[in-house]
């Protein structure tokens, strides 16, 4: 935090390891790895090793070294707690250096539970998917503090904690429809709620809704398409469902991750190193790469390795899908800026090739599967400009001036989709949802248990025979939910509300 009102937060990165450096640690590291870390390995030309940077081999070794120490020392601490008949929980927030709950060693600590204060769907999935603990808990916002951790007045005069909680809950809820946690709670000072009876009443209803959602996952799984999306970054599984803290608005990767957190598809996180070591997993349907040039989410210098280009090209040629968002595969390397321009059929002009004339594209007139639910012109927030198409094989669905912003292209038996940006909104969630199924050539699977209104979400639990429909907006909504076999269910939803439709038998 900072003390200047115009710069309340100086650094926001919960996964950076700079604070772990000491002379003793450096000596121990050298004994283990056989080389000595230099100051520049941490300072990194003044950028340090923030989570947006592609981790160097040396930095990866340092993470592994610290993780090994924290795991061993943490296990000793947990043993002391268990010896006194107590349970050991960890707060998965603010910083997790050394802990790495999505890493291979986490199970060896022996923790009983994990807690995280969350605002969003991707943070919810981060907790829900954590393995090797018995209890997964969400701590909801706003905290019971006079002001919220994001600076909102919350429980002070002029604050509206009920509205705050509703806006966070609708994003958390859509993720909980896909994967459950065990319990929820709040932190702070209980007396602050005394002057907010509406907040108390709302939390009572929210808690009942949570228990209902949790019960639906008992012995059941929500309907999920037979389709797996692999999100490709330099971090892979180690930073699954994480960026560098809470929601970083405007970050393509974070915006995409939030959108995917509530979709009825299987999701995995893979790294470039995973591809080099074991290839692209055979059950992968679509790869998504989202980010800006040189960042860890797009991949930076990882794209200079021809084996990566070959592996993904072979994957798409063989029938796989690839979706690029923002500056996917971007690197100032060779004659292409997007290293997968040959797959996407799109590249970006950065001032080095203006002497070359560009292909003059036309916007596709025929209605397209990807765009079918758009309620207005797409708004991606921050968009990448100066993009151009390579040839007539690239189909331009939408453009901003002469820069294509939504394109598709066939490559061998596979397909690619390019989006010049992404912002988490109901329209864009649905557009990405459709893009995933289109890239996977799975259009025929699309629509099962899906609301016709993009402002609503739905999940069907077959063993319970129950369909949950939720409203993701502050306005009443009506929607039809498509039931396999051609029927549909009409539902009216109050603002922020949800409803359950029961079927006499599993559909």
Protein backbone atom coordinates (compact mmCIF):
# COMPACT_ATOMS: atom_id res chain seq x y z
CA UNK A 1 0.00 0.00 0.00
CA UNK A 2 1.01 3.61 -0.52
CA UNK A 3 0.14 6.76 1.40
CA UNK A 4 -0.62 8.93 -1.65
CA UNK A 5 -4.37 9.08 -2.42
CA UNK A 6 -3.65 8.82 -6.15
CA UNK A 7 -1.45 5.75 -5.71
CA UNK A 8 -3.04 3.65 -3.00
CA UNK A 9 -1.30 0.49 -4.20
CA UNK A 10 2.39 0.59 -5.09
CA UNK A 11 2.94 -3.10 -5.86
CA UNK A 12 0.29 -5.74 -6.43
CA UNK A 13 1.88 -9.15 -6.85
CA UNK A 14 1.18 -12.02 -4.50
CA UNK A 15 3.46 -14.52 -6.20
CA UNK A 16 6.78 -12.66 -6.31
CA UNK A 17 9.73 -14.20 -4.49
CA UNK A 18 11.98 -11.15 -3.99
CA UNK A 19 11.19 -11.11 -0.26
CA UNK A 20 12.73 -14.56 0.20
CA UNK A 21 16.30 -13.50 -0.60
CA UNK A 22 18.92 -13.61 2.16
CA UNK A 23 22.66 -14.41 2.30
CA UNK A 24 21.93 -17.71 4.04
CA UNK A 25 19.34 -18.70 1.45
CA UNK A 26 21.73 -17.88 -1.41
CA UNK A 27 24.45 -20.05 0.14
CA UNK A 28 22.02 -22.94 0.70
CA UNK A 29 20.79 -22.58 -2.87
CA UNK A 30 24.34 -22.82 -4.24
CA UNK A 31 24.95 -25.98 -2.23
CA UNK A 32 21.85 -27.59 -3.74
CA UNK A 33 22.00 -26.40 -7.36
CA UNK A 34 25.73 -25.98 -7.85
CA UNK A 35 25.63 -22.34 -8.95
CA UNK A 36 25.18 -19.02 -7.19
CA UNK A 37 22.26 -16.67 -7.82
CA UNK A 38 23.37 -13.15 -8.76
CA UNK A 39 21.69 -9.92 -7.78
CA UNK A 40 20.68 -9.39 -11.40
CA UNK A 41 18.75 -12.69 -11.31
CA UNK A 42 16.40 -10.93 -8.90
CA UNK A 43 16.66 -7.28 -10.00
CA UNK A 44 16.10 -8.28 -13.64
CA UNK A 45 16.98 -4.91 -15.22
CA UNK A 46 14.79 -3.14 -12.66
CA UNK A 47 11.67 -5.13 -13.52
CA UNK A 48 12.31 -7.71 -10.80
CA UNK A 49 10.53 -11.05 -11.16
CA UNK A 50 6.95 -9.90 -11.03
CA UNK A 51 4.38 -12.46 -12.14
CA UNK A 52 3.91 -10.77 -15.51
CA UNK A 53 7.50 -11.62 -16.43
CA UNK A 54 8.34 -14.94 -18.05
CA UNK A 55 10.26 -16.77 -15.30
CA UNK A 56 13.89 -17.48 -16.15
CA UNK A 57 15.40 -20.94 -15.51
CA UNK A 58 17.30 -19.48 -12.55
CA UNK A 59 14.14 -17.96 -11.08
CA UNK A 60 12.29 -21.25 -11.51
CA UNK A 61 15.09 -22.98 -9.59
CA UNK A 62 14.77 -20.37 -6.83
CA UNK A 63 11.00 -20.91 -6.60
CA UNK A 64 11.58 -24.66 -6.34
CA UNK A 65 14.24 -24.15 -3.66
CA UNK A 66 12.02 -21.89 -1.51
CA UNK A 67 9.02 -24.15 -2.04
CA UNK A 68 11.00 -27.13 -0.78
CA UNK A 69 12.01 -25.21 2.36
CA UNK A 70 8.51 -23.85 3.09
CA UNK A 71 7.00 -27.29 2.59
CA UNK A 72 9.40 -28.93 5.05
CA UNK A 73 9.19 -26.13 7.64
CA UNK A 74 5.44 -25.80 7.19
CA UNK A 75 5.00 -29.51 7.79
CA UNK A 76 6.82 -29.17 11.14
CA UNK A 77 4.50 -26.32 12.12
CA UNK A 78 1.43 -28.34 11.14
CA UNK A 79 2.68 -31.28 13.23
CA UNK A 80 2.89 -28.98 16.28
CA UNK A 81 -0.70 -27.82 15.69
CA UNK A 82 -1.99 -31.36 15.23
CA UNK A 83 -0.16 -32.51 18.36
CA UNK A 84 -2.34 -30.06 20.34
CA UNK A 85 -5.51 -31.48 18.79
CA UNK A 86 -6.10 -28.49 16.53
CA UNK A 87 -6.50 -28.12 12.78
CA UNK A 88 -4.16 -26.15 10.55
CA UNK A 89 -5.52 -23.83 7.85
CA UNK A 90 -3.69 -21.46 5.56
CA UNK A 91 -4.91 -18.13 4.21
CA UNK A 92 -4.40 -18.27 0.43
CA UNK A 93 -4.24 -14.50 0.00
CA UNK A 94 -1.91 -11.47 -0.03
CA UNK A 95 1.11 -13.71 -0.65
CA UNK A 96 1.73 -17.41 -1.18
CA UNK A 97 5.52 -17.44 -1.70
CA UNK A 98 6.82 -20.91 -1.02
CA UNK A 99 3.40 -22.43 -0.45
CA UNK A 100 2.25 -22.90 -4.08
CA UNK A 101 -1.08 -24.70 -3.44
CA UNK A 102 -1.23 -25.82 -7.08
CA UNK A 103 2.32 -27.21 -6.93
CA UNK A 104 3.37 -30.83 -6.52
CA UNK A 105 4.61 -30.48 -2.92
CA UNK A 106 1.55 -28.84 -1.37
CA UNK A 107 0.14 -32.17 -0.18
CA UNK A 108 3.29 -32.78 1.88
CA UNK A 109 2.57 -29.86 4.23
CA UNK A 110 -0.41 -31.72 5.68
CA UNK A 111 -2.80 -28.79 6.01
CA UNK A 112 -6.43 -29.40 6.91
CA UNK A 113 -7.91 -26.48 5.01
CA UNK A 114 -7.38 -23.43 2.86
CA UNK A 115 -9.12 -20.04 2.99
CA UNK A 116 -9.13 -17.21 0.48
CA UNK A 117 -10.81 -13.82 0.44
CA UNK A 118 -12.36 -13.60 -3.01
CA UNK A 119 -14.10 -11.10 -5.27
CA UNK A 120 -14.39 -13.11 -8.46
CA UNK A 121 -15.06 -16.37 -10.24
CA UNK A 122 -11.45 -17.20 -11.09
CA UNK A 123 -10.41 -16.77 -7.43
CA UNK A 124 -13.27 -19.07 -6.47
CA UNK A 125 -12.05 -21.75 -8.89
CA UNK A 126 -8.53 -21.33 -7.52
CA UNK A 127 -9.77 -22.38 -4.08
CA UNK A 128 -12.34 -24.94 -5.26
CA UNK A 129 -9.72 -26.78 -7.31
CA UNK A 130 -7.05 -26.94 -4.60
CA UNK A 131 -6.23 -30.56 -3.86
CA UNK A 132 -5.15 -32.38 -0.70
CA UNK A 133 -7.12 -30.39 1.91
CA UNK A 134 -10.39 -31.39 3.56
CA UNK A 135 -11.90 -27.92 3.78
CA UNK A 136 -11.94 -25.17 1.17
CA UNK A 137 -13.38 -21.88 2.37
CA UNK A 138 -14.22 -18.58 0.71
CA UNK A 139 -14.03 -15.38 2.73
CA UNK A 140 -16.51 -12.99 1.18
CA UNK A 141 -16.33 -9.25 0.64
CA UNK A 142 -16.83 -6.62 1.79
CA UNK A 143 -14.81 -7.44 4.86
CA UNK A 144 -16.42 -6.22 8.05
CA UNK A 145 -14.09 -3.23 8.14
CA UNK A 146 -15.11 0.45 8.02
CA UNK A 147 -13.65 0.61 4.50
CA UNK A 148 -13.25 -2.29 2.11
CA UNK A 149 -9.83 -3.55 1.07
CA UNK A 150 -10.49 -1.95 -2.32
CA UNK A 151 -11.09 1.49 -0.75
CA UNK A 152 -14.90 1.45 -0.87
CA UNK A 153 -16.65 3.17 2.09
CA UNK A 154 -18.52 -0.11 2.81
CA UNK A 155 -19.74 0.28 6.41
CA UNK A 156 -19.08 4.02 6.64
CA UNK A 157 -21.60 6.71 5.83
CA UNK A 158 -22.40 6.57 2.14
CA UNK A 159 -21.39 2.93 1.85
CA UNK A 160 -23.65 0.14 0.61
CA UNK A 161 -22.23 -3.19 1.79
CA UNK A 162 -25.31 -5.10 0.60
CA UNK A 163 -24.89 -3.92 -2.99
CA UNK A 164 -21.14 -4.58 -2.81
CA UNK A 165 -21.71 -8.15 -1.71
CA UNK A 166 -24.33 -8.75 -4.39
CA UNK A 167 -22.00 -7.60 -7.17
CA UNK A 168 -19.22 -9.90 -5.95
CA UNK A 169 -21.53 -12.83 -5.28
CA UNK A 170 -22.90 -13.08 -8.83
CA UNK A 171 -19.37 -13.69 -10.15
CA UNK A 172 -18.51 -16.09 -7.33
CA UNK A 173 -21.79 -17.96 -7.78
CA UNK A 174 -21.28 -18.71 -11.48
CA UNK A 175 -17.97 -20.38 -10.59
CA UNK A 176 -19.58 -22.32 -7.72
CA UNK A 177 -22.09 -23.71 -10.20
CA UNK A 178 -19.13 -25.46 -11.86
CA UNK A 179 -17.06 -26.51 -8.83
CA UNK A 180 -17.92 -26.32 -5.11
CA UNK A 181 -16.18 -25.18 -1.96
CA UNK A 182 -17.04 -26.43 1.52
CA UNK A 183 -17.91 -23.26 3.38
CA UNK A 184 -18.07 -19.48 3.30
CA UNK A 185 -17.48 -16.77 5.87
CA UNK A 186 -16.53 -13.18 6.63
CA UNK A 187 -13.68 -11.54 8.48
CA UNK A 188 -13.68 -8.34 10.53
CA UNK A 189 -15.67 -6.65 13.28
CA UNK A 190 -19.18 -7.98 13.80
CA UNK A 191 -20.52 -4.82 15.45
CA UNK A 192 -20.25 -2.99 12.12
CA UNK A 193 -23.30 -4.86 10.76
CA UNK A 194 -25.59 -3.59 13.54
CA UNK A 195 -26.56 -0.49 11.58
CA UNK A 196 -27.08 -2.47 8.37
CA UNK A 197 -30.02 -4.84 8.91
CA UNK A 198 -30.49 -5.15 5.15
CA UNK A 199 -26.96 -6.55 4.94
CA UNK A 200 -27.72 -9.11 7.66
CA UNK A 201 -30.93 -10.17 5.88
CA UNK A 202 -29.15 -10.49 2.54
CA UNK A 203 -26.31 -12.58 3.98
CA UNK A 204 -28.87 -14.92 5.50
CA UNK A 205 -30.39 -15.47 2.04
CA UNK A 206 -26.93 -15.77 0.45
CA UNK A 207 -25.93 -18.43 2.99
CA UNK A 208 -29.08 -20.42 2.22
CA UNK A 209 -28.33 -20.16 -1.49
CA UNK A 210 -24.75 -21.32 -0.91
CA UNK A 211 -25.93 -24.37 1.05
CA UNK A 212 -28.31 -25.22 -1.75
CA UNK A 213 -25.54 -24.98 -4.36
CA UNK A 214 -23.19 -27.01 -2.20
CA UNK A 215 -25.78 -29.77 -1.75
CA UNK A 216 -26.22 -30.14 -5.51
CA UNK A 217 -22.58 -31.14 -5.86
CA UNK A 218 -22.97 -33.97 -3.32
CA UNK A 219 -22.72 -37.11 -5.40
CA UNK A 220 -23.27 -35.18 -8.58
CA UNK A 221 -21.46 -33.15 -11.22
CA UNK A 222 -23.00 -30.40 -13.34
CA UNK A 223 -23.50 -31.12 -17.01
CA UNK A 224 -20.23 -30.29 -18.77
CA UNK A 225 -19.54 -30.57 -22.47
CA UNK A 226 -17.09 -33.26 -23.55
CA UNK A 227 -14.55 -30.59 -24.37
CA UNK A 228 -11.36 -29.47 -22.63
CA UNK A 229 -9.86 -26.00 -22.85
CA UNK A 230 -6.14 -25.67 -22.09
CA UNK A 231 -5.03 -22.16 -21.13
CA UNK A 232 -1.41 -21.76 -22.23
CA UNK A 233 0.95 -19.49 -20.25
CA UNK A 234 4.59 -19.48 -19.20
CA UNK A 235 3.46 -20.46 -15.67
CA UNK A 236 1.02 -23.25 -16.49
CA UNK A 237 -0.44 -25.24 -13.59
CA UNK A 238 1.66 -23.45 -10.97
CA UNK A 239 -0.47 -20.32 -11.38
CA UNK A 240 -3.75 -22.02 -12.29
CA UNK A 241 -6.69 -19.67 -11.81
CA UNK A 242 -4.31 -16.94 -10.70
CA UNK A 243 -2.69 -13.83 -12.10
CA UNK A 244 -0.92 -11.73 -9.46
CA UNK A 245 -3.67 -11.01 -6.94
CA UNK A 246 -7.31 -9.99 -7.24
CA UNK A 247 -8.93 -9.18 -10.59
CA UNK A 248 -6.59 -7.11 -12.78
CA UNK A 249 -9.01 -5.34 -15.10
CA UNK A 250 -7.79 -4.86 -18.65
CA UNK A 251 -5.44 -7.86 -18.51
CA UNK A 252 -6.56 -10.09 -21.38
CA UNK A 253 -5.52 -13.27 -19.59
CA UNK A 254 -7.32 -12.30 -16.38
CA UNK A 255 -10.47 -11.24 -18.25
CA UNK A 256 -10.52 -14.50 -20.22
CA UNK A 257 -9.90 -16.57 -17.09
CA UNK A 258 -12.84 -14.89 -15.33
CA UNK A 259 -15.11 -15.59 -18.29
CA UNK A 260 -14.06 -19.24 -18.52
CA UNK A 261 -14.50 -19.79 -14.76
CA UNK A 262 -18.26 -20.27 -15.18
CA UNK A 263 -18.44 -22.04 -18.55
CA UNK A 264 -19.62 -25.68 -18.85
CA UNK A 265 -16.28 -26.94 -20.18
CA UNK A 266 -13.32 -28.72 -18.65
CA UNK A 267 -10.38 -26.38 -18.03
CA UNK A 268 -6.67 -27.04 -17.58
CA UNK A 269 -3.57 -24.85 -17.45
CA UNK A 270 -0.46 -25.82 -19.37
CA UNK A 271 2.96 -24.26 -19.82
CA UNK A 272 5.37 -24.14 -22.73
CA UNK A 273 7.67 -26.42 -20.75
CA UNK A 274 4.83 -28.95 -20.48
CA UNK A 275 4.57 -28.98 -24.27
CA UNK A 276 8.33 -29.40 -24.67
CA UNK A 277 8.47 -32.24 -22.14
CA UNK A 278 5.32 -34.17 -22.94
CA UNK A 279 3.54 -32.59 -25.88
CA UNK A 280 0.02 -31.20 -25.87
CA UNK A 281 -2.23 -33.44 -23.73
CA UNK A 282 -4.24 -35.79 -25.92
CA UNK A 283 -7.57 -34.78 -24.36
CA UNK A 284 -7.14 -31.10 -25.22
CA UNK A 285 -9.82 -29.72 -27.54
CA UNK A 286 -8.88 -26.03 -27.67
CA UNK A 287 -5.84 -24.02 -26.57
CA UNK A 288 -6.33 -20.41 -25.47
CA UNK A 289 -3.39 -18.00 -25.39
CA UNK A 290 -4.18 -14.50 -24.13
CA UNK A 291 -1.87 -11.66 -23.20
CA UNK A 292 0.42 -8.93 -24.50
CA UNK A 293 3.87 -9.11 -26.04
CA UNK A 294 6.60 -10.33 -23.67
CA UNK A 295 4.29 -11.01 -20.70
CA UNK A 296 4.13 -14.41 -19.04
CA UNK A 297 0.50 -14.91 -20.05
CA UNK A 298 1.19 -14.58 -23.78
CA UNK A 299 4.55 -16.32 -23.40
CA UNK A 300 7.28 -13.88 -24.43
CA UNK A 301 10.52 -15.52 -25.49
CA UNK A 302 8.97 -18.99 -25.17
CA UNK A 303 7.66 -18.40 -28.69
CA UNK A 304 11.20 -18.29 -30.07
CA UNK A 305 11.43 -22.06 -29.70
CA UNK A 306 10.50 -23.69 -33.05
CA UNK A 307 9.42 -26.86 -31.25
CA UNK A 308 6.55 -24.91 -29.68
CA UNK A 309 5.45 -23.57 -33.05
CA UNK A 310 5.66 -27.04 -34.58
CA UNK A 311 3.71 -28.70 -31.74
CA UNK A 312 0.82 -26.23 -31.82
CA UNK A 313 0.73 -26.16 -35.62
CA UNK A 314 0.56 -29.95 -35.68
CA UNK A 315 -2.15 -29.91 -33.01
CA UNK A 316 -4.37 -27.53 -35.00
CA UNK A 317 -3.65 -29.22 -38.32
CA UNK A 318 -4.77 -32.49 -36.76
CA UNK A 319 -8.14 -31.09 -35.72
CA UNK A 320 -7.48 -29.06 -32.58
CA UNK A 321 -8.64 -25.51 -31.95
CA UNK A 322 -6.65 -22.42 -31.05
CA UNK A 323 -8.00 -19.10 -29.75
CA UNK A 324 -5.69 -16.10 -29.54
CA UNK A 325 -6.65 -13.02 -27.55
CA UNK A 326 -4.87 -9.66 -27.63
CA UNK A 327 -1.29 -10.40 -28.66
CA UNK A 328 -1.14 -14.20 -28.71
CA UNK A 329 2.25 -15.70 -29.54
CA UNK A 330 3.65 -12.16 -29.89
CA UNK A 331 7.42 -11.77 -30.05
CA UNK A 332 9.77 -9.46 -31.95
CA UNK A 333 11.38 -12.40 -33.66
CA UNK A 334 11.73 -13.22 -37.36
CA UNK A 335 9.34 -11.90 -39.98
CA UNK A 336 6.16 -12.53 -37.95
CA UNK A 337 5.09 -10.60 -34.86
CA UNK A 338 2.46 -13.17 -33.98
CA UNK A 339 4.55 -16.32 -34.20
CA UNK A 340 1.34 -18.23 -34.95
CA UNK A 341 0.21 -15.80 -37.64
CA UNK A 342 0.17 -18.67 -40.12
CA UNK A 343 -2.47 -20.36 -37.97
CA UNK A 344 -4.50 -17.29 -37.04
CA UNK A 345 -4.30 -15.65 -40.44
CA UNK A 346 -3.78 -12.38 -38.59
CA UNK A 347 -0.69 -10.42 -37.61
CA UNK A 348 0.02 -6.98 -36.15
CA UNK A 349 1.89 -4.06 -37.67
CA UNK A 350 4.42 -2.60 -35.21
CA UNK A 351 6.06 -0.15 -37.61
CA UNK A 352 8.64 -2.40 -39.27
CA UNK A 353 6.71 -3.59 -42.31
CA UNK A 354 4.63 -0.61 -43.36
CA UNK A 355 6.23 -0.77 -46.80
CA UNK A 356 4.19 -3.91 -47.49
CA UNK A 357 0.65 -3.47 -48.73
CA UNK A 358 -2.01 -5.40 -46.86
CA UNK A 359 -4.78 -7.68 -48.05
CA UNK A 360 -8.04 -5.71 -48.37
CA UNK A 361 -10.58 -7.82 -46.51
CA UNK A 362 -14.37 -7.74 -46.53
CA UNK A 363 -16.54 -8.26 -43.48
CA UNK A 364 -18.43 -11.56 -43.59
CA UNK A 365 -22.10 -10.89 -44.36
CA UNK A 366 -23.52 -14.32 -43.59
CA UNK A 367 -24.54 -14.76 -39.90
CA UNK A 368 -21.83 -16.64 -38.03
CA UNK A 369 -22.10 -19.13 -35.19
CA UNK A 370 -19.62 -17.19 -33.02
CA UNK A 371 -21.63 -13.93 -33.22
CA UNK A 372 -25.13 -15.34 -32.93
CA UNK A 373 -25.89 -14.11 -29.37
CA UNK A 374 -24.26 -10.68 -29.57
CA UNK A 375 -26.78 -8.09 -28.38
CA UNK A 376 -24.74 -5.10 -29.63
CA UNK A 377 -21.41 -4.27 -31.24
CA UNK A 378 -18.56 -6.01 -29.36
CA UNK A 379 -16.82 -4.02 -26.65
CA UNK A 380 -13.50 -5.61 -25.66
CA UNK A 381 -12.33 -2.68 -23.55
CA UNK A 382 -8.66 -2.26 -24.39
CA UNK A 383 -8.16 -3.60 -27.92
CA UNK A 384 -5.05 -4.38 -29.92
CA UNK A 385 -4.96 -2.18 -33.02
CA UNK A 386 -3.03 -2.20 -36.29
CA UNK A 387 -3.89 -5.81 -36.99
CA UNK A 388 -4.18 -7.12 -40.53
CA UNK A 389 -5.18 -10.32 -42.29
CA UNK A 390 -2.80 -12.38 -44.38
CA UNK A 391 -5.08 -13.51 -47.18
CA UNK A 392 -8.60 -14.49 -48.21
CA UNK A 393 -8.50 -17.67 -46.09
CA UNK A 394 -9.05 -15.53 -42.98
CA UNK A 395 -12.72 -14.75 -42.39
CA UNK A 396 -13.23 -11.35 -40.74
CA UNK A 397 -16.38 -11.29 -38.62
CA UNK A 398 -15.89 -7.85 -37.06
CA UNK A 399 -13.42 -5.00 -37.61
CA UNK A 400 -12.60 -1.62 -36.12
CA UNK A 401 -11.83 0.50 -39.15
CA UNK A 402 -9.31 -1.56 -41.13
CA UNK A 403 -8.19 -3.59 -38.12
CA UNK A 404 -9.93 -6.96 -37.76
CA UNK A 405 -11.08 -7.63 -34.19
CA UNK A 406 -12.81 -11.02 -34.60
CA UNK A 407 -11.59 -13.52 -37.19
CA UNK A 408 -11.71 -17.24 -37.89
CA UNK A 409 -9.56 -19.47 -40.07
CA UNK A 410 -9.40 -23.13 -41.01
CA UNK A 411 -6.00 -24.79 -40.81
CA UNK A 412 -5.89 -28.40 -41.91
CA UNK A 413 -8.62 -30.18 -39.95
CA UNK A 414 -8.52 -27.56 -37.18
CA UNK A 415 -9.77 -24.04 -36.64
CA UNK A 416 -8.50 -20.84 -35.07
CA UNK A 417 -10.24 -17.76 -33.70
CA UNK A 418 -8.64 -14.38 -33.08
CA UNK A 419 -10.06 -11.75 -30.71
CA UNK A 420 -8.30 -8.38 -30.50
CA UNK A 421 -9.21 -8.13 -26.82
CA UNK A 422 -11.56 -9.38 -24.16
CA UNK A 423 -13.51 -7.84 -21.31
CA UNK A 424 -15.57 -9.81 -18.83
CA UNK A 425 -19.18 -8.97 -19.70
CA UNK A 426 -22.19 -11.24 -20.33
CA UNK A 427 -21.99 -10.63 -24.10
CA UNK A 428 -18.29 -11.37 -24.25
CA UNK A 429 -18.63 -14.46 -22.07
CA UNK A 430 -21.16 -15.84 -24.54
CA UNK A 431 -18.99 -14.86 -27.51
CA UNK A 432 -16.00 -16.68 -26.00
CA UNK A 433 -18.21 -19.64 -25.16
CA UNK A 434 -19.28 -19.89 -28.79
CA UNK A 435 -15.72 -19.34 -30.04
CA UNK A 436 -14.52 -22.31 -27.97
CA UNK A 437 -17.14 -24.64 -29.44
CA UNK A 438 -16.53 -23.32 -32.95
CA UNK A 439 -12.76 -23.79 -32.68
CA UNK A 440 -13.34 -27.34 -31.44
CA UNK A 441 -15.76 -28.07 -34.32
CA UNK A 442 -18.31 -28.92 -31.62
CA UNK A 443 -21.18 -26.65 -32.66
CA UNK A 444 -23.62 -29.54 -32.38
CA UNK A 445 -22.86 -29.85 -28.65
CA UNK A 446 -23.56 -26.18 -28.05
CA UNK A 447 -26.90 -25.24 -26.49
CA UNK A 448 -27.58 -28.07 -24.04
CA UNK A 449 -28.78 -26.56 -20.75
CA UNK A 450 -27.83 -23.12 -22.04
CA UNK A 451 -29.94 -20.00 -21.37
CA UNK A 452 -30.92 -18.05 -24.47
CA UNK A 453 -30.30 -14.82 -22.52
CA UNK A 454 -26.53 -14.19 -22.10
CA UNK A 455 -27.26 -12.20 -18.93
CA UNK A 456 -28.16 -15.44 -17.20
CA UNK A 457 -26.24 -18.60 -16.30
CA UNK A 458 -27.44 -22.18 -15.87
CA UNK A 459 -26.15 -25.51 -14.60
CA UNK A 460 -27.94 -28.87 -14.67
CA UNK A 461 -27.23 -31.59 -12.10
CA UNK A 462 -28.39 -34.88 -13.69
CA UNK A 463 -28.48 -37.16 -10.62
CA UNK A 464 -30.53 -34.64 -8.66
CA UNK A 465 -32.61 -33.76 -11.72
CA UNK A 466 -32.27 -30.06 -10.88
CA UNK A 467 -31.52 -27.08 -13.08
CA UNK A 468 -30.17 -23.88 -11.49
CA UNK A 469 -30.61 -20.63 -13.40
CA UNK A 470 -29.04 -17.41 -12.11
CA UNK A 471 -29.21 -13.73 -13.03
CA UNK A 472 -25.84 -12.01 -13.44
CA UNK A 473 -27.26 -8.48 -13.57
CA UNK A 474 -28.92 -5.87 -11.31
CA UNK A 475 -32.05 -5.98 -13.49
CA UNK A 476 -34.85 -8.59 -13.73
CA UNK A 477 -34.27 -11.03 -16.57
CA UNK A 478 -36.31 -13.58 -18.49
CA UNK A 479 -34.75 -16.50 -20.32
CA UNK A 480 -35.38 -19.83 -21.98
CA UNK A 481 -33.13 -22.74 -21.13
CA UNK A 482 -32.67 -25.32 -23.86
CA UNK A 483 -33.29 -28.89 -22.69
CA UNK A 484 -31.79 -31.79 -24.69
CA UNK A 485 -34.41 -33.18 -27.01
CA UNK A 486 -35.73 -29.85 -28.24
CA UNK A 487 -37.81 -28.63 -25.29
CA UNK A 488 -37.13 -25.49 -23.30
CA UNK A 489 -37.86 -24.04 -19.87
CA UNK A 490 -38.99 -20.45 -19.37
CA UNK A 491 -37.71 -18.69 -16.24
CA UNK A 492 -38.27 -15.22 -14.78
CA UNK A 493 -35.47 -14.03 -12.52
CA UNK A 494 -35.34 -11.12 -10.10
CA UNK A 495 -32.26 -8.88 -9.97
CA UNK A 496 -29.21 -10.89 -8.85
CA UNK A 497 -31.56 -13.82 -8.24
CA UNK A 498 -31.57 -17.53 -8.94
CA UNK A 499 -34.20 -20.21 -9.41
CA UNK A 500 -34.30 -24.02 -9.39
CA UNK A 501 -36.30 -26.06 -11.85
CA UNK A 502 -36.83 -29.71 -10.88
CA UNK A 503 -37.34 -32.54 -13.34
CA UNK A 504 -39.12 -35.76 -12.42
CA UNK A 505 -36.28 -37.77 -13.91
CA UNK A 506 -32.75 -37.20 -15.10
CA UNK A 507 -32.72 -35.69 -18.59
